[in-house]
Amino acid sequence: MRIFSKQTNLRDQFTEMNLFVKTVILVLLHNVMDVQSRNLAREGTASQDSESYPASNAIDGEISGDLFSHTISAGPSAWWLLTLKNRALIREIKIYNRVDCCQDRIDGATVWIGDNLIGGNYEGAVKVGTVQYEPGKNPYIFSGIDKKGTSVEIQGGPPTESVPNKYVHLQEVKVYGSYCEIQAGKGCMLGL
């Protein structure tokens, strides 16, 4: 990368140097924020609209095996909710699908971030994205989120002819970020 050349005037050199310094600062800030991001889900509380298997199974740290969360209800009225211990800047969410059967039930599940979400009420929430089922894919990763909130919710997908009962069943959910009050000035101030 060229910083200075003999053919540029002083003003151009200053502009190039200014851009270079800004780039270095942004790279350093990004690296600091990445180091400080951690899985906040393990410190949170999980709940769901109905319970076939406990909601807390999806934040126990196990990404394989037969312990998963599972709702009794299905479709868009079914939900799994993670309440964080404090407001956080959320950078990435990884959803590990159940692997023993029924993997296609995750198709169409919607991921939300907000403050004090209460299952099924998305007023003021930010839609992170929708899971597009792919056979054999695990985990489903939503990255570059950079949104603040106290809750993450996964809403069941709409029924289809081939999958009429889309229960919310999750092997594991990992939410990477940093708590705002702990990382003041080093993460949350950059969140939207």
C-alpha atoms as a PDB file:
ATOM      1  CA  MET A   1       0.000   0.000   0.000  1.00  0.00           C
ATOM      2  CA  ARG A   2       1.358   3.404  -0.995  1.00  0.00           C
ATOM      3  CA  ILE A   3       1.194   6.063   1.705  1.00  0.00           C
ATOM      4  CA  PHE A   4       3.103   8.899   0.050  1.00  0.00           C
ATOM      5  CA  SER A   5       4.350   9.638  -3.444  1.00  0.00           C
ATOM      6  CA  LYS A   6       6.479  12.399  -4.894  1.00  0.00           C
ATOM      7  CA  GLN A   7       3.692  13.417  -7.251  1.00  0.00           C
ATOM      8  CA  THR A   8       1.133  14.293  -4.574  1.00  0.00           C
ATOM      9  CA  ASN A   9       0.870  17.610  -2.810  1.00  0.00           C
ATOM     10  CA  LEU A  10       0.886  18.073   0.963  1.00  0.00           C
ATOM     11  CA  ARG A  11      -2.914  18.090   1.184  1.00  0.00           C
ATOM     12  CA  ASP A  12      -3.170  14.736  -0.630  1.00  0.00           C
ATOM     13  CA  GLN A  13      -0.478  13.274   1.626  1.00  0.00           C
ATOM     14  CA  PHE A  14      -2.396  14.405   4.717  1.00  0.00           C
ATOM     15  CA  THR A  15      -5.639  12.872   3.370  1.00  0.00           C
ATOM     16  CA  GLU A  16      -3.922   9.563   2.618  1.00  0.00           C
ATOM     17  CA  MET A  17      -2.271   9.497   6.052  1.00  0.00           C
ATOM     18  CA  ASN A  18      -5.582  10.357   7.749  1.00  0.00           C
ATOM     19  CA  LEU A  19      -7.315   7.479   5.938  1.00  0.00           C
ATOM     20  CA  PHE A  20      -4.487   5.113   6.866  1.00  0.00           C
ATOM     21  CA  VAL A  21      -4.674   6.077  10.582  1.00  0.00           C
ATOM     22  CA  LYS A  22      -8.488   5.668  10.608  1.00  0.00           C
ATOM     23  CA  THR A  23      -8.146   2.220   9.038  1.00  0.00           C
ATOM     24  CA  VAL A  24      -5.582   1.128  11.638  1.00  0.00           C
ATOM     25  CA  ILE A  25      -7.804   2.371  14.479  1.00  0.00           C
ATOM     26  CA  LEU A  26     -10.846   0.524  13.115  1.00  0.00           C
ATOM     27  CA  VAL A  27      -8.882  -2.715  12.736  1.00  0.00           C
ATOM     28  CA  LEU A  28      -7.556  -2.436  16.301  1.00  0.00           C
ATOM     29  CA  LEU A  29     -11.026  -1.654  17.696  1.00  0.00           C
ATOM     30  CA  HIS A  30     -12.502  -4.624  15.836  1.00  0.00           C
ATOM     31  CA  ASN A  31      -9.815  -6.944  17.246  1.00  0.00           C
ATOM     32  CA  VAL A  32     -10.353  -5.687  20.809  1.00  0.00           C
ATOM     33  CA  MET A  33     -14.111  -6.213  20.497  1.00  0.00           C
ATOM     34  CA  ASP A  34     -13.632  -9.742  19.105  1.00  0.00           C
ATOM     35  CA  VAL A  35     -11.397 -10.694  22.036  1.00  0.00           C
ATOM     36  CA  GLN A  36     -14.010  -9.423  24.491  1.00  0.00           C
ATOM     37  CA  SER A  37     -16.938 -11.271  22.879  1.00  0.00           C
ATOM     38  CA  ARG A  38     -17.927 -14.458  24.651  1.00  0.00           C
ATOM     39  CA  ASN A  39     -20.875 -16.846  24.783  1.00  0.00           C
ATOM     40  CA  LEU A  40     -23.402 -15.001  26.944  1.00  0.00           C
ATOM     41  CA  ALA A  41     -26.091 -17.685  26.640  1.00  0.00           C
ATOM     42  CA  ARG A  42     -24.577 -19.873  29.373  1.00  0.00           C
ATOM     43  CA  GLU A  43     -25.074 -17.009  31.857  1.00  0.00           C
ATOM     44  CA  GLY A  44     -28.667 -16.334  30.799  1.00  0.00           C
ATOM     45  CA  THR A  45     -32.034 -17.919  31.525  1.00  0.00           C
ATOM     46  CA  ALA A  46     -33.917 -19.940  28.917  1.00  0.00           C
ATOM     47  CA  SER A  47     -37.691 -20.331  28.698  1.00  0.00           C
ATOM     48  CA  GLN A  48     -40.207 -21.392  26.072  1.00  0.00           C
ATOM     49  CA  ASP A  49     -43.933 -21.182  25.438  1.00  0.00           C
ATOM     50  CA  SER A  50     -44.517 -24.862  26.325  1.00  0.00           C
ATOM     51  CA  GLU A  51     -42.261 -27.674  27.428  1.00  0.00           C
ATOM     52  CA  SER A  52     -41.718 -31.169  26.114  1.00  0.00           C
ATOM     53  CA  TYR A  53     -37.997 -30.984  27.016  1.00  0.00           C
ATOM     54  CA  PRO A  54     -36.531 -28.148  29.140  1.00  0.00           C
ATOM     55  CA  ALA A  55     -35.566 -24.850  27.491  1.00  0.00           C
ATOM     56  CA  SER A  56     -32.350 -24.839  29.535  1.00  0.00           C
ATOM     57  CA  ASN A  57     -31.060 -27.852  27.572  1.00  0.00           C
ATOM     58  CA  ALA A  58     -30.283 -25.425  24.718  1.00  0.00           C
ATOM     59  CA  ILE A  59     -27.774 -23.462  26.833  1.00  0.00           C
ATOM     60  CA  ASP A  60     -26.024 -26.326  28.657  1.00  0.00           C
ATOM     61  CA  GLY A  61     -22.941 -26.235  26.416  1.00  0.00           C
ATOM     62  CA  GLU A  62     -23.623 -29.608  24.746  1.00  0.00           C
ATOM     63  CA  ILE A  63     -23.711 -29.459  20.948  1.00  0.00           C
ATOM     64  CA  SER A  64     -24.275 -33.191  20.444  1.00  0.00           C
ATOM     65  CA  GLY A  65     -26.244 -35.847  22.212  1.00  0.00           C
ATOM     66  CA  ASP A  66     -29.852 -36.329  23.194  1.00  0.00           C
ATOM     67  CA  LEU A  67     -30.395 -33.310  25.457  1.00  0.00           C
ATOM     68  CA  PHE A  68     -32.231 -30.589  23.559  1.00  0.00           C
ATOM     69  CA  SER A  69     -35.069 -28.161  24.174  1.00  0.00           C
ATOM     70  CA  HIS A  70     -38.485 -28.929  22.667  1.00  0.00           C
ATOM     71  CA  THR A  71     -41.793 -27.079  22.682  1.00  0.00           C
ATOM     72  CA  ILE A  72     -45.190 -28.776  22.708  1.00  0.00           C
ATOM     73  CA  SER A  73     -46.708 -26.097  20.503  1.00  0.00           C
ATOM     74  CA  ALA A  74     -45.644 -25.699  16.880  1.00  0.00           C
ATOM     75  CA  GLY A  75     -45.444 -23.045  14.174  1.00  0.00           C
ATOM     76  CA  PRO A  76     -45.144 -19.274  14.615  1.00  0.00           C
ATOM     77  CA  SER A  77     -46.882 -19.378  18.008  1.00  0.00           C
ATOM     78  CA  ALA A  78     -44.051 -21.549  19.394  1.00  0.00           C
ATOM     79  CA  TRP A  79     -41.002 -19.777  20.789  1.00  0.00           C
ATOM     80  CA  TRP A  80     -37.783 -20.274  22.754  1.00  0.00           C
ATOM     81  CA  LEU A  81     -36.440 -17.276  24.698  1.00  0.00           C
ATOM     82  CA  LEU A  82     -33.038 -16.460  26.161  1.00  0.00           C
ATOM     83  CA  THR A  83     -33.008 -13.669  28.730  1.00  0.00           C
ATOM     84  CA  LEU A  84     -29.521 -12.296  29.309  1.00  0.00           C
ATOM     85  CA  LYS A  85     -28.425 -11.155  32.761  1.00  0.00           C
ATOM     86  CA  ASN A  86     -27.865  -7.590  31.451  1.00  0.00           C
ATOM     87  CA  ARG A  87     -28.148  -5.567  28.261  1.00  0.00           C
ATOM     88  CA  ALA A  88     -25.481  -6.635  25.791  1.00  0.00           C
ATOM     89  CA  LEU A  89     -24.049  -5.856  22.400  1.00  0.00           C
ATOM     90  CA  ILE A  90     -24.800  -9.057  20.473  1.00  0.00           C
ATOM     91  CA  ARG A  91     -22.413  -9.801  17.630  1.00  0.00           C
ATOM     92  CA  GLU A  92     -23.168 -13.383  16.591  1.00  0.00           C
ATOM     93  CA  ILE A  93     -25.728 -16.137  17.209  1.00  0.00           C
ATOM     94  CA  LYS A  94     -25.077 -19.827  16.522  1.00  0.00           C
ATOM     95  CA  ILE A  95     -28.024 -22.211  16.492  1.00  0.00           C
ATOM     96  CA  TYR A  96     -27.205 -25.906  16.704  1.00  0.00           C
ATOM     97  CA  ASN A  97     -30.033 -27.996  15.322  1.00  0.00           C
ATOM     98  CA  ARG A  98     -31.172 -31.278  16.825  1.00  0.00           C
ATOM     99  CA  VAL A  99     -29.318 -34.080  15.036  1.00  0.00           C
ATOM    100  CA  ASP A 100     -31.133 -37.285  16.026  1.00  0.00           C
ATOM    101  CA  CYS A 101     -34.212 -36.593  13.870  1.00  0.00           C
ATOM    102  CA  CYS A 102     -36.560 -33.999  12.400  1.00  0.00           C
ATOM    103  CA  GLN A 103     -33.879 -31.501  11.343  1.00  0.00           C
ATOM    104  CA  ASP A 104     -36.199 -29.875   8.770  1.00  0.00           C
ATOM    105  CA  ARG A 105     -38.461 -28.510  11.511  1.00  0.00           C
ATOM    106  CA  ILE A 106     -36.022 -25.617  11.976  1.00  0.00           C
ATOM    107  CA  ASP A 107     -36.797 -24.277   8.495  1.00  0.00           C
ATOM    108  CA  GLY A 108     -38.388 -20.844   8.654  1.00  0.00           C
ATOM    109  CA  ALA A 109     -37.557 -20.221  12.332  1.00  0.00           C
ATOM    110  CA  THR A 110     -37.061 -16.502  12.932  1.00  0.00           C
ATOM    111  CA  VAL A 111     -34.402 -15.042  15.238  1.00  0.00           C
ATOM    112  CA  TRP A 112     -35.151 -11.816  17.157  1.00  0.00           C
ATOM    113  CA  ILE A 113     -33.177  -9.508  19.477  1.00  0.00           C
ATOM    114  CA  GLY A 114     -34.816  -6.981  21.773  1.00  0.00           C
ATOM    115  CA  ASP A 115     -35.149  -5.583  25.237  1.00  0.00           C
ATOM    116  CA  ASN A 116     -37.330  -7.626  27.562  1.00  0.00           C
ATOM    117  CA  LEU A 117     -38.918  -9.752  24.855  1.00  0.00           C
ATOM    118  CA  ILE A 118     -41.901 -11.719  26.070  1.00  0.00           C
ATOM    119  CA  GLY A 119     -42.596 -14.710  23.857  1.00  0.00           C
ATOM    120  CA  GLY A 120     -44.402 -13.734  20.708  1.00  0.00           C
ATOM    121  CA  ASN A 121     -44.361  -9.955  21.288  1.00  0.00           C
ATOM    122  CA  TYR A 122     -41.850  -8.460  18.848  1.00  0.00           C
ATOM    123  CA  GLU A 123     -42.684  -4.776  19.292  1.00  0.00           C
ATOM    124  CA  GLY A 124     -39.409  -2.856  19.227  1.00  0.00           C
ATOM    125  CA  ALA A 125     -37.448  -6.030  18.441  1.00  0.00           C
ATOM    126  CA  VAL A 126     -34.938  -6.423  15.627  1.00  0.00           C
ATOM    127  CA  LYS A 127     -35.336  -9.358  13.254  1.00  0.00           C
ATOM    128  CA  VAL A 128     -31.887 -10.920  12.924  1.00  0.00           C
ATOM    129  CA  GLY A 129     -32.854 -13.388  10.223  1.00  0.00           C
ATOM    130  CA  THR A 130     -34.681 -16.552   9.251  1.00  0.00           C
ATOM    131  CA  VAL A 131     -33.209 -20.043   9.255  1.00  0.00           C
ATOM    132  CA  GLN A 132     -33.092 -21.644   5.809  1.00  0.00           C
ATOM    133  CA  TYR A 133     -32.893 -25.386   6.368  1.00  0.00           C
ATOM    134  CA  GLU A 134     -30.061 -27.217   4.592  1.00  0.00           C
ATOM    135  CA  PRO A 135     -29.612 -30.978   5.109  1.00  0.00           C
ATOM    136  CA  GLY A 136     -26.480 -31.648   7.151  1.00  0.00           C
ATOM    137  CA  LYS A 137     -25.877 -28.005   8.044  1.00  0.00           C
ATOM    138  CA  ASN A 138     -25.049 -27.363  11.692  1.00  0.00           C
ATOM    139  CA  PRO A 139     -24.750 -24.781  13.177  1.00  0.00           C
ATOM    140  CA  TYR A 140     -26.766 -21.997  11.585  1.00  0.00           C
ATOM    141  CA  ILE A 141     -24.740 -18.822  12.093  1.00  0.00           C
ATOM    142  CA  PHE A 142     -25.974 -15.237  12.128  1.00  0.00           C
ATOM    143  CA  SER A 143     -22.921 -12.967  12.289  1.00  0.00           C
ATOM    144  CA  GLY A 144     -22.185  -9.255  12.016  1.00  0.00           C
ATOM    145  CA  ILE A 145     -25.313  -8.477  14.044  1.00  0.00           C
ATOM    146  CA  ASP A 146     -23.984  -5.695  16.317  1.00  0.00           C
ATOM    147  CA  LYS A 147     -27.344  -4.987  18.004  1.00  0.00           C
ATOM    148  CA  LYS A 148     -28.076  -4.292  21.649  1.00  0.00           C
ATOM    149  CA  GLY A 149     -30.665  -6.147  23.710  1.00  0.00           C
ATOM    150  CA  THR A 150     -31.514  -8.151  26.795  1.00  0.00           C
ATOM    151  CA  SER A 151     -33.246 -11.024  24.993  1.00  0.00           C
ATOM    152  CA  VAL A 152     -32.879 -13.374  22.049  1.00  0.00           C
ATOM    153  CA  GLU A 153     -35.921 -15.246  20.819  1.00  0.00           C
ATOM    154  CA  ILE A 154     -36.332 -18.008  18.259  1.00  0.00           C
ATOM    155  CA  GLN A 155     -39.835 -18.185  16.832  1.00  0.00           C
ATOM    156  CA  GLY A 156     -41.076 -21.360  15.146  1.00  0.00           C
ATOM    157  CA  GLY A 157     -41.399 -21.429  11.391  1.00  0.00           C
ATOM    158  CA  PRO A 158     -44.701 -21.585   9.524  1.00  0.00           C
ATOM    159  CA  PRO A 159     -46.100 -25.058   8.802  1.00  0.00           C
ATOM    160  CA  THR A 160     -45.683 -26.534   5.349  1.00  0.00           C
ATOM    161  CA  GLU A 161     -47.308 -29.479   3.634  1.00  0.00           C
ATOM    162  CA  SER A 162     -44.174 -31.603   4.141  1.00  0.00           C
ATOM    163  CA  VAL A 163     -43.553 -30.380   7.740  1.00  0.00           C
ATOM    164  CA  PRO A 164     -46.897 -29.496   9.363  1.00  0.00           C
ATOM    165  CA  ASN A 165     -45.572 -29.526  12.966  1.00  0.00           C
ATOM    166  CA  LYS A 166     -42.619 -27.169  13.255  1.00  0.00           C
ATOM    167  CA  TYR A 167     -41.856 -27.483  16.940  1.00  0.00           C
ATOM    168  CA  VAL A 168     -39.017 -25.362  18.264  1.00  0.00           C
ATOM    169  CA  HIS A 169     -36.383 -27.881  19.317  1.00  0.00           C
ATOM    170  CA  LEU A 170     -32.818 -26.725  19.702  1.00  0.00           C
ATOM    171  CA  GLN A 171     -29.658 -28.635  20.518  1.00  0.00           C
ATOM    172  CA  GLU A 172     -27.732 -25.530  21.586  1.00  0.00           C
ATOM    173  CA  VAL A 173     -27.861 -21.756  21.178  1.00  0.00           C
ATOM    174  CA  LYS A 174     -24.717 -19.648  21.570  1.00  0.00           C
ATOM    175  CA  VAL A 175     -24.957 -15.869  21.738  1.00  0.00           C
ATOM    176  CA  TYR A 176     -21.644 -14.036  21.380  1.00  0.00           C
ATOM    177  CA  GLY A 177     -21.213 -10.485  22.576  1.00  0.00           C
ATOM    178  CA  SER A 178     -20.300  -8.332  25.552  1.00  0.00           C
ATOM    179  CA  TYR A 179     -22.289  -6.783  28.360  1.00  0.00           C
ATOM    180  CA  CYS A 180     -22.720  -3.036  27.993  1.00  0.00           C
ATOM    181  CA  GLU A 181     -21.938  -1.919  31.521  1.00  0.00           C
ATOM    182  CA  ILE A 182     -18.868  -4.152  31.777  1.00  0.00           C
ATOM    183  CA  GLN A 183     -17.487  -3.118  28.386  1.00  0.00           C
ATOM    184  CA  ALA A 184     -18.535   0.544  28.438  1.00  0.00           C
ATOM    185  CA  GLY A 185     -16.754   2.285  25.632  1.00  0.00           C
ATOM    186  CA  LYS A 186     -15.392  -0.967  24.236  1.00  0.00           C
ATOM    187  CA  GLY A 187     -18.335  -2.436  22.421  1.00  0.00           C
ATOM    188  CA  CYS A 188     -21.759  -1.125  23.318  1.00  0.00           C
ATOM    189  CA  MET A 189     -21.066   2.424  22.230  1.00  0.00           C
ATOM    190  CA  LEU A 190     -20.516   1.046  18.708  1.00  0.00           C
ATOM    191  CA  GLY A 191     -23.821  -0.879  18.684  1.00  0.00           C
ATOM    192  CA  LEU A 192     -26.791   0.397  16.751  1.00  0.00           C
END
